[in-house]
Amino acid sequence: MKSITIYTQPECPPCEITKMFLKDYGFSFEQKDIKKDPKAMKELTQTYHSYSTPTVVIENEVISGFNLEKLKELLDIEE
């Protein structure tokens, strides 16, 4: 299974939708809250050059914001 990390923050509806989407398809993921974890915020901005949530990292691919088509593509989901 692919490694999935999602960078989130409280009161972020797109973050919740992304997590529900991943759970609905049976994917496990690591969640990092950028408001509670300064290290996660640093990773998000410095490593992945992203400044928005949700940011999803699948293996080495970065998706900033909720992008359903890109998630499906990277996770090999066909409907």
PDB file of N, CA and C in Angstrom:
ATOM      1  N   MET A   1       0.832  -1.184   0.000  1.00  0.00           N
ATOM      2  CA  MET A   1       0.000   0.000   0.000  1.00  0.00           C
ATOM      3  C   MET A   1       0.877   1.248   0.000  1.00  0.00           C
ATOM      4  N   LYS A   2       0.410   2.274  -0.675  1.00  0.00           N
ATOM      5  CA  LYS A   2       1.183   3.506  -0.792  1.00  0.00           C
ATOM      6  C   LYS A   2       1.178   4.286   0.523  1.00  0.00           C
ATOM      7  N   SER A   3       2.292   4.980   0.764  1.00  0.00           N
ATOM      8  CA  SER A   3       2.416   5.836   1.935  1.00  0.00           C
ATOM      9  C   SER A   3       1.645   7.133   1.685  1.00  0.00           C
ATOM     10  N   ILE A   4       0.719   7.468   2.612  1.00  0.00           N
ATOM     11  CA  ILE A   4      -0.101   8.664   2.458  1.00  0.00           C
ATOM     12  C   ILE A   4      -0.006   9.497   3.731  1.00  0.00           C
ATOM     13  N   THR A   5       0.321  10.776   3.573  1.00  0.00           N
ATOM     14  CA  THR A   5       0.329  11.719   4.683  1.00  0.00           C
ATOM     15  C   THR A   5      -0.564  12.879   4.290  1.00  0.00           C
ATOM     16  N   ILE A   6      -1.424  13.304   5.222  1.00  0.00           N
ATOM     17  CA  ILE A   6      -2.289  14.443   4.962  1.00  0.00           C
ATOM     18  C   ILE A   6      -2.019  15.521   6.010  1.00  0.00           C
ATOM     19  N   TYR A   7      -1.730  16.727   5.528  1.00  0.00           N
ATOM     20  CA  TYR A   7      -1.505  17.876   6.400  1.00  0.00           C
ATOM     21  C   TYR A   7      -2.837  18.613   6.509  1.00  0.00           C
ATOM     22  N   THR A   8      -3.291  18.783   7.756  1.00  0.00           N
ATOM     23  CA  THR A   8      -4.602  19.364   8.011  1.00  0.00           C
ATOM     24  C   THR A   8      -4.505  20.466   9.052  1.00  0.00           C
ATOM     25  N   GLN A   9      -5.651  21.100   9.301  1.00  0.00           N
ATOM     26  CA  GLN A   9      -5.788  22.035  10.409  1.00  0.00           C
ATOM     27  C   GLN A   9      -7.248  22.032  10.851  1.00  0.00           C
ATOM     28  N   PRO A  10      -7.509  22.473  12.081  1.00  0.00           N
ATOM     29  CA  PRO A  10      -8.887  22.482  12.565  1.00  0.00           C
ATOM     30  C   PRO A  10      -9.782  23.371  11.708  1.00  0.00           C
ATOM     31  N   GLU A  11     -11.068  23.045  11.693  1.00  0.00           N
ATOM     32  CA  GLU A  11     -12.081  23.820  10.979  1.00  0.00           C
ATOM     33  C   GLU A  11     -11.745  23.987   9.503  1.00  0.00           C
ATOM     34  N   CYS A  12     -11.335  22.892   8.884  1.00  0.00           N
ATOM     35  CA  CYS A  12     -10.985  22.875   7.456  1.00  0.00           C
ATOM     36  C   CYS A  12     -11.901  21.863   6.762  1.00  0.00           C
ATOM     37  N   PRO A  13     -13.049  22.318   6.235  1.00  0.00           N
ATOM     38  CA  PRO A  13     -13.962  21.375   5.575  1.00  0.00           C
ATOM     39  C   PRO A  13     -13.321  20.534   4.468  1.00  0.00           C
ATOM     40  N   PRO A  14     -12.482  21.109   3.594  1.00  0.00           N
ATOM     41  CA  PRO A  14     -11.847  20.265   2.575  1.00  0.00           C
ATOM     42  C   PRO A  14     -10.949  19.174   3.180  1.00  0.00           C
ATOM     43  N   CYS A  15     -10.371  19.447   4.350  1.00  0.00           N
ATOM     44  CA  CYS A  15      -9.550  18.439   5.035  1.00  0.00           C
ATOM     45  C   CYS A  15     -10.422  17.256   5.444  1.00  0.00           C
ATOM     46  N   GLU A  16     -11.589  17.562   6.007  1.00  0.00           N
ATOM     47  CA  GLU A  16     -12.503  16.511   6.439  1.00  0.00           C
ATOM     48  C   GLU A  16     -12.996  15.687   5.247  1.00  0.00           C
ATOM     49  N   ILE A  17     -13.307  16.359   4.150  1.00  0.00           N
ATOM     50  CA  ILE A  17     -13.766  15.659   2.942  1.00  0.00           C
ATOM     51  C   ILE A  17     -12.672  14.735   2.421  1.00  0.00           C
ATOM     52  N   THR A  18     -11.434  15.217   2.427  1.00  0.00           N
ATOM     53  CA  THR A  18     -10.312  14.405   1.946  1.00  0.00           C
ATOM     54  C   THR A  18     -10.121  13.172   2.824  1.00  0.00           C
ATOM     55  N   LYS A  19     -10.186  13.350   4.136  1.00  0.00           N
ATOM     56  CA  LYS A  19     -10.034  12.213   5.049  1.00  0.00           C
ATOM     57  C   LYS A  19     -11.168  11.204   4.850  1.00  0.00           C
ATOM     58  N   MET A  20     -12.406  11.695   4.691  1.00  0.00           N
ATOM     59  CA  MET A  20     -13.542  10.798   4.460  1.00  0.00           C
ATOM     60  C   MET A  20     -13.368  10.022   3.157  1.00  0.00           C
ATOM     61  N   PHE A  21     -12.900  10.704   2.115  1.00  0.00           N
ATOM     62  CA  PHE A  21     -12.660  10.070   0.827  1.00  0.00           C
ATOM     63  C   PHE A  21     -11.656   8.929   0.977  1.00  0.00           C
ATOM     64  N   LEU A  22     -10.535   9.200   1.634  1.00  0.00           N
ATOM     65  CA  LEU A  22      -9.507   8.180   1.815  1.00  0.00           C
ATOM     66  C   LEU A  22     -10.030   6.995   2.633  1.00  0.00           C
ATOM     67  N   LYS A  23     -10.767   7.290   3.706  1.00  0.00           N
ATOM     68  CA  LYS A  23     -11.332   6.226   4.542  1.00  0.00           C
ATOM     69  C   LYS A  23     -12.352   5.399   3.760  1.00  0.00           C
ATOM     70  N   ASP A  24     -13.198   6.074   2.977  1.00  0.00           N
ATOM     71  CA  ASP A  24     -14.223   5.366   2.193  1.00  0.00           C
ATOM     72  C   ASP A  24     -13.612   4.351   1.240  1.00  0.00           C
ATOM     73  N   TYR A  25     -12.423   4.643   0.736  1.00  0.00           N
ATOM     74  CA  TYR A  25     -11.747   3.732  -0.183  1.00  0.00           C
ATOM     75  C   TYR A  25     -10.770   2.799   0.530  1.00  0.00           C
ATOM     76  N   GLY A  26     -10.769   2.846   1.852  1.00  0.00           N
ATOM     77  CA  GLY A  26      -9.974   1.895   2.628  1.00  0.00           C
ATOM     78  C   GLY A  26      -8.497   2.214   2.748  1.00  0.00           C
ATOM     79  N   PHE A  27      -8.129   3.474   2.494  1.00  0.00           N
ATOM     80  CA  PHE A  27      -6.723   3.848   2.608  1.00  0.00           C
ATOM     81  C   PHE A  27      -6.417   4.312   4.019  1.00  0.00           C
ATOM     82  N   SER A  28      -5.289   3.861   4.545  1.00  0.00           N
ATOM     83  CA  SER A  28      -4.832   4.378   5.831  1.00  0.00           C
ATOM     84  C   SER A  28      -3.861   5.513   5.530  1.00  0.00           C
ATOM     85  N   PHE A  29      -3.791   6.452   6.457  1.00  0.00           N
ATOM     86  CA  PHE A  29      -2.942   7.617   6.231  1.00  0.00           C
ATOM     87  C   PHE A  29      -2.468   8.171   7.561  1.00  0.00           C
ATOM     88  N   GLU A  30      -1.394   8.920   7.497  1.00  0.00           N
ATOM     89  CA  GLU A  30      -0.895   9.638   8.662  1.00  0.00           C
ATOM     90  C   GLU A  30      -1.406  11.064   8.560  1.00  0.00           C
ATOM     91  N   GLN A  31      -1.975  11.557   9.643  1.00  0.00           N
ATOM     92  CA  GLN A  31      -2.487  12.927   9.657  1.00  0.00           C
ATOM     93  C   GLN A  31      -1.563  13.800  10.479  1.00  0.00           C
ATOM     94  N   LYS A  32      -1.235  14.976   9.944  1.00  0.00           N
ATOM     95  CA  LYS A  32      -0.391  15.925  10.669  1.00  0.00           C
ATOM     96  C   LYS A  32      -1.130  17.260  10.734  1.00  0.00           C
ATOM     97  N   ASP A  33      -1.416  17.695  11.960  1.00  0.00           N
ATOM     98  CA  ASP A  33      -2.137  18.944  12.202  1.00  0.00           C
ATOM     99  C   ASP A  33      -1.119  20.078  12.279  1.00  0.00           C
ATOM    100  N   ILE A  34      -1.152  20.988  11.316  1.00  0.00           N
ATOM    101  CA  ILE A  34      -0.147  22.049  11.254  1.00  0.00           C
ATOM    102  C   ILE A  34      -0.329  23.106  12.339  1.00  0.00           C
ATOM    103  N   LYS A  35      -1.500  23.149  12.967  1.00  0.00           N
ATOM    104  CA  LYS A  35      -1.726  24.110  14.061  1.00  0.00           C
ATOM    105  C   LYS A  35      -1.160  23.594  15.385  1.00  0.00           C
ATOM    106  N   LYS A  36      -1.180  22.287  15.588  1.00  0.00           N
ATOM    107  CA  LYS A  36      -0.705  21.692  16.835  1.00  0.00           C
ATOM    108  C   LYS A  36       0.762  21.280  16.767  1.00  0.00           C
ATOM    109  N   ASP A  37       1.281  21.103  15.555  1.00  0.00           N
ATOM    110  CA  ASP A  37       2.617  20.540  15.378  1.00  0.00           C
ATOM    111  C   ASP A  37       3.485  21.467  14.519  1.00  0.00           C
ATOM    112  N   PRO A  38       4.325  22.287  15.170  1.00  0.00           N
ATOM    113  CA  PRO A  38       5.182  23.205  14.413  1.00  0.00           C
ATOM    114  C   PRO A  38       6.098  22.493  13.411  1.00  0.00           C
ATOM    115  N   LYS A  39       6.518  21.283  13.756  1.00  0.00           N
ATOM    116  CA  LYS A  39       7.370  20.513  12.843  1.00  0.00           C
ATOM    117  C   LYS A  39       6.601  20.181  11.557  1.00  0.00           C
ATOM    118  N   ALA A  40       5.319  19.847  11.693  1.00  0.00           N
ATOM    119  CA  ALA A  40       4.486  19.544  10.527  1.00  0.00           C
ATOM    120  C   ALA A  40       4.329  20.784   9.641  1.00  0.00           C
ATOM    121  N   MET A  41       4.151  21.948  10.263  1.00  0.00           N
ATOM    122  CA  MET A  41       4.033  23.195   9.493  1.00  0.00           C
ATOM    123  C   MET A  41       5.316  23.463   8.714  1.00  0.00           C
ATOM    124  N   LYS A  42       6.449  23.215   9.347  1.00  0.00           N
ATOM    125  CA  LYS A  42       7.735  23.416   8.693  1.00  0.00           C
ATOM    126  C   LYS A  42       7.901  22.449   7.517  1.00  0.00           C
ATOM    127  N   GLU A  43       7.518  21.173   7.726  1.00  0.00           N
ATOM    128  CA  GLU A  43       7.571  20.185   6.637  1.00  0.00           C
ATOM    129  C   GLU A  43       6.704  20.628   5.468  1.00  0.00           C
ATOM    130  N   LEU A  44       5.480  21.045   5.791  1.00  0.00           N
ATOM    131  CA  LEU A  44       4.530  21.448   4.755  1.00  0.00           C
ATOM    132  C   LEU A  44       5.089  22.570   3.891  1.00  0.00           C
ATOM    133  N   THR A  45       5.614  23.600   4.531  1.00  0.00           N
ATOM    134  CA  THR A  45       6.068  24.773   3.779  1.00  0.00           C
ATOM    135  C   THR A  45       7.460  24.612   3.183  1.00  0.00           C
ATOM    136  N   GLN A  46       8.392  24.029   3.937  1.00  0.00           N
ATOM    137  CA  GLN A  46       9.767  23.963   3.458  1.00  0.00           C
ATOM    138  C   GLN A  46      10.053  22.737   2.598  1.00  0.00           C
ATOM    139  N   THR A  47       9.510  21.592   2.970  1.00  0.00           N
ATOM    140  CA  THR A  47       9.780  20.373   2.216  1.00  0.00           C
ATOM    141  C   THR A  47       8.879  20.273   0.989  1.00  0.00           C
ATOM    142  N   TYR A  48       7.576  20.572   1.199  1.00  0.00           N
ATOM    143  CA  TYR A  48       6.605  20.368   0.117  1.00  0.00           C
ATOM    144  C   TYR A  48       6.174  21.655  -0.574  1.00  0.00           C
ATOM    145  N   HIS A  49       6.664  22.806  -0.105  1.00  0.00           N
ATOM    146  CA  HIS A  49       6.375  24.109  -0.720  1.00  0.00           C
ATOM    147  C   HIS A  49       4.878  24.333  -0.892  1.00  0.00           C
ATOM    148  N   SER A  50       4.125  23.930   0.101  1.00  0.00           N
ATOM    149  CA  SER A  50       2.680  24.105   0.086  1.00  0.00           C
ATOM    150  C   SER A  50       2.295  25.009   1.251  1.00  0.00           C
ATOM    151  N   TYR A  51       1.264  25.812   1.020  1.00  0.00           N
ATOM    152  CA  TYR A  51       0.821  26.748   2.057  1.00  0.00           C
ATOM    153  C   TYR A  51      -0.675  26.626   2.292  1.00  0.00           C
ATOM    154  N   SER A  52      -1.257  25.500   1.901  1.00  0.00           N
ATOM    155  CA  SER A  52      -2.692  25.312   2.087  1.00  0.00           C
ATOM    156  C   SER A  52      -2.982  23.909   2.599  1.00  0.00           C
ATOM    157  N   THR A  53      -4.159  23.785   3.204  1.00  0.00           N
ATOM    158  CA  THR A  53      -4.619  22.475   3.641  1.00  0.00           C
ATOM    159  C   THR A  53      -5.935  22.188   2.956  1.00  0.00           C
ATOM    160  N   PRO A  54      -6.227  20.957   2.679  1.00  0.00           N
ATOM    161  CA  PRO A  54      -5.347  19.825   2.926  1.00  0.00           C
ATOM    162  C   PRO A  54      -4.224  19.765   1.899  1.00  0.00           C
ATOM    163  N   THR A  55      -3.104  19.266   2.316  1.00  0.00           N
ATOM    164  CA  THR A  55      -2.042  18.879   1.389  1.00  0.00           C
ATOM    165  C   THR A  55      -1.827  17.394   1.619  1.00  0.00           C
ATOM    166  N   VAL A  56      -1.924  16.640   0.541  1.00  0.00           N
ATOM    167  CA  VAL A  56      -1.781  15.193   0.620  1.00  0.00           C
ATOM    168  C   VAL A  56      -0.481  14.801  -0.070  1.00  0.00           C
ATOM    169  N   VAL A  57       0.325  14.004   0.618  1.00  0.00           N
ATOM    170  CA  VAL A  57       1.570  13.503   0.039  1.00  0.00           C
ATOM    171  C   VAL A  57       1.404  11.990  -0.116  1.00  0.00           C
ATOM    172  N   ILE A  58       1.429  11.538  -1.369  1.00  0.00           N
ATOM    173  CA  ILE A  58       1.317  10.117  -1.687  1.00  0.00           C
ATOM    174  C   ILE A  58       2.649   9.710  -2.293  1.00  0.00           C
ATOM    175  N   GLU A  59       3.397   8.892  -1.533  1.00  0.00           N
ATOM    176  CA  GLU A  59       4.781   8.571  -1.889  1.00  0.00           C
ATOM    177  C   GLU A  59       5.524   9.906  -1.995  1.00  0.00           C
ATOM    178  N   ASN A  60       5.941  10.323  -3.179  1.00  0.00           N
ATOM    179  CA  ASN A  60       6.644  11.604  -3.333  1.00  0.00           C
ATOM    180  C   ASN A  60       5.830  12.637  -4.105  1.00  0.00           C
ATOM    181  N   GLU A  61       4.566  12.332  -4.376  1.00  0.00           N
ATOM    182  CA  GLU A  61       3.692  13.248  -5.105  1.00  0.00           C
ATOM    183  C   GLU A  61       2.926  14.117  -4.116  1.00  0.00           C
ATOM    184  N   VAL A  62       2.837  15.416  -4.403  1.00  0.00           N
ATOM    185  CA  VAL A  62       2.169  16.364  -3.514  1.00  0.00           C
ATOM    186  C   VAL A  62       0.917  16.914  -4.188  1.00  0.00           C
ATOM    187  N   ILE A  63      -0.204  16.869  -3.451  1.00  0.00           N
ATOM    188  CA  ILE A  63      -1.460  17.435  -3.928  1.00  0.00           C
ATOM    189  C   ILE A  63      -1.864  18.520  -2.937  1.00  0.00           C
ATOM    190  N   SER A  64      -1.891  19.773  -3.390  1.00  0.00           N
ATOM    191  CA  SER A  64      -2.307  20.877  -2.529  1.00  0.00           C
ATOM    192  C   SER A  64      -3.783  21.151  -2.761  1.00  0.00           C
ATOM    193  N   GLY A  65      -4.548  21.148  -1.679  1.00  0.00           N
ATOM    194  CA  GLY A  65      -5.985  21.351  -1.782  1.00  0.00           C
ATOM    195  C   GLY A  65      -6.684  20.044  -2.120  1.00  0.00           C
ATOM    196  N   PHE A  66      -8.018  20.091  -2.114  1.00  0.00           N
ATOM    197  CA  PHE A  66      -8.789  18.885  -2.428  1.00  0.00           C
ATOM    198  C   PHE A  66      -8.899  18.760  -3.934  1.00  0.00           C
ATOM    199  N   ASN A  67      -8.202  17.783  -4.500  1.00  0.00           N
ATOM    200  CA  ASN A  67      -8.206  17.545  -5.944  1.00  0.00           C
ATOM    201  C   ASN A  67      -8.587  16.086  -6.166  1.00  0.00           C
ATOM    202  N   LEU A  68      -9.884  15.860  -6.323  1.00  0.00           N
ATOM    203  CA  LEU A  68     -10.423  14.512  -6.419  1.00  0.00           C
ATOM    204  C   LEU A  68      -9.813  13.729  -7.583  1.00  0.00           C
ATOM    205  N   GLU A  69      -9.688  14.350  -8.727  1.00  0.00           N
ATOM    206  CA  GLU A  69      -9.150  13.652  -9.901  1.00  0.00           C
ATOM    207  C   GLU A  69      -7.705  13.219  -9.679  1.00  0.00           C
ATOM    208  N   LYS A  70      -6.907  14.095  -9.097  1.00  0.00           N
ATOM    209  CA  LYS A  70      -5.497  13.762  -8.857  1.00  0.00           C
ATOM    210  C   LYS A  70      -5.377  12.662  -7.797  1.00  0.00           C
ATOM    211  N   LEU A  71      -6.220  12.714  -6.753  1.00  0.00           N
ATOM    212  CA  LEU A  71      -6.215  11.652  -5.744  1.00  0.00           C
ATOM    213  C   LEU A  71      -6.534  10.311  -6.390  1.00  0.00           C
ATOM    214  N   LYS A  72      -7.578  10.275  -7.207  1.00  0.00           N
ATOM    215  CA  LYS A  72      -7.965   9.031  -7.873  1.00  0.00           C
ATOM    216  C   LYS A  72      -6.846   8.520  -8.773  1.00  0.00           C
ATOM    217  N   GLU A  73      -6.204   9.433  -9.483  1.00  0.00           N
ATOM    218  CA  GLU A  73      -5.127   9.042 -10.384  1.00  0.00           C
ATOM    219  C   GLU A  73      -3.956   8.420  -9.624  1.00  0.00           C
ATOM    220  N   LEU A  74      -3.510   9.086  -8.569  1.00  0.00           N
ATOM    221  CA  LEU A  74      -2.341   8.610  -7.808  1.00  0.00           C
ATOM    222  C   LEU A  74      -2.632   7.344  -7.011  1.00  0.00           C
ATOM    223  N   LEU A  75      -3.908   7.134  -6.659  1.00  0.00           N
ATOM    224  CA  LEU A  75      -4.273   5.959  -5.866  1.00  0.00           C
ATOM    225  C   LEU A  75      -4.865   4.848  -6.717  1.00  0.00           C
ATOM    226  N   ASP A  76      -4.840   5.030  -8.029  1.00  0.00           N
ATOM    227  CA  ASP A  76      -5.350   4.007  -8.974  1.00  0.00           C
ATOM    228  C   ASP A  76      -6.810   3.654  -8.697  1.00  0.00           C
ATOM    229  N   ILE A  77      -7.630   4.674  -8.486  1.00  0.00           N
ATOM    230  CA  ILE A  77      -9.063   4.460  -8.240  1.00  0.00           C
ATOM    231  C   ILE A  77      -9.811   4.710  -9.541  1.00  0.00           C
ATOM    232  N   GLU A  78     -10.541   3.694  -9.968  1.00  0.00           N
ATOM    233  CA  GLU A  78     -11.358   3.835 -11.169  1.00  0.00           C
ATOM    234  C   GLU A  78     -12.810   3.636 -10.788  1.00  0.00           C
ATOM    235  N   GLU A  79     -13.673   4.490 -11.333  1.00  0.00           N
ATOM    236  CA  GLU A  79     -15.103   4.354 -11.034  1.00  0.00           C
ATOM    237  C   GLU A  79     -15.891   4.172 -12.302  1.00  0.00           C
TER     238      GLU A  79
END
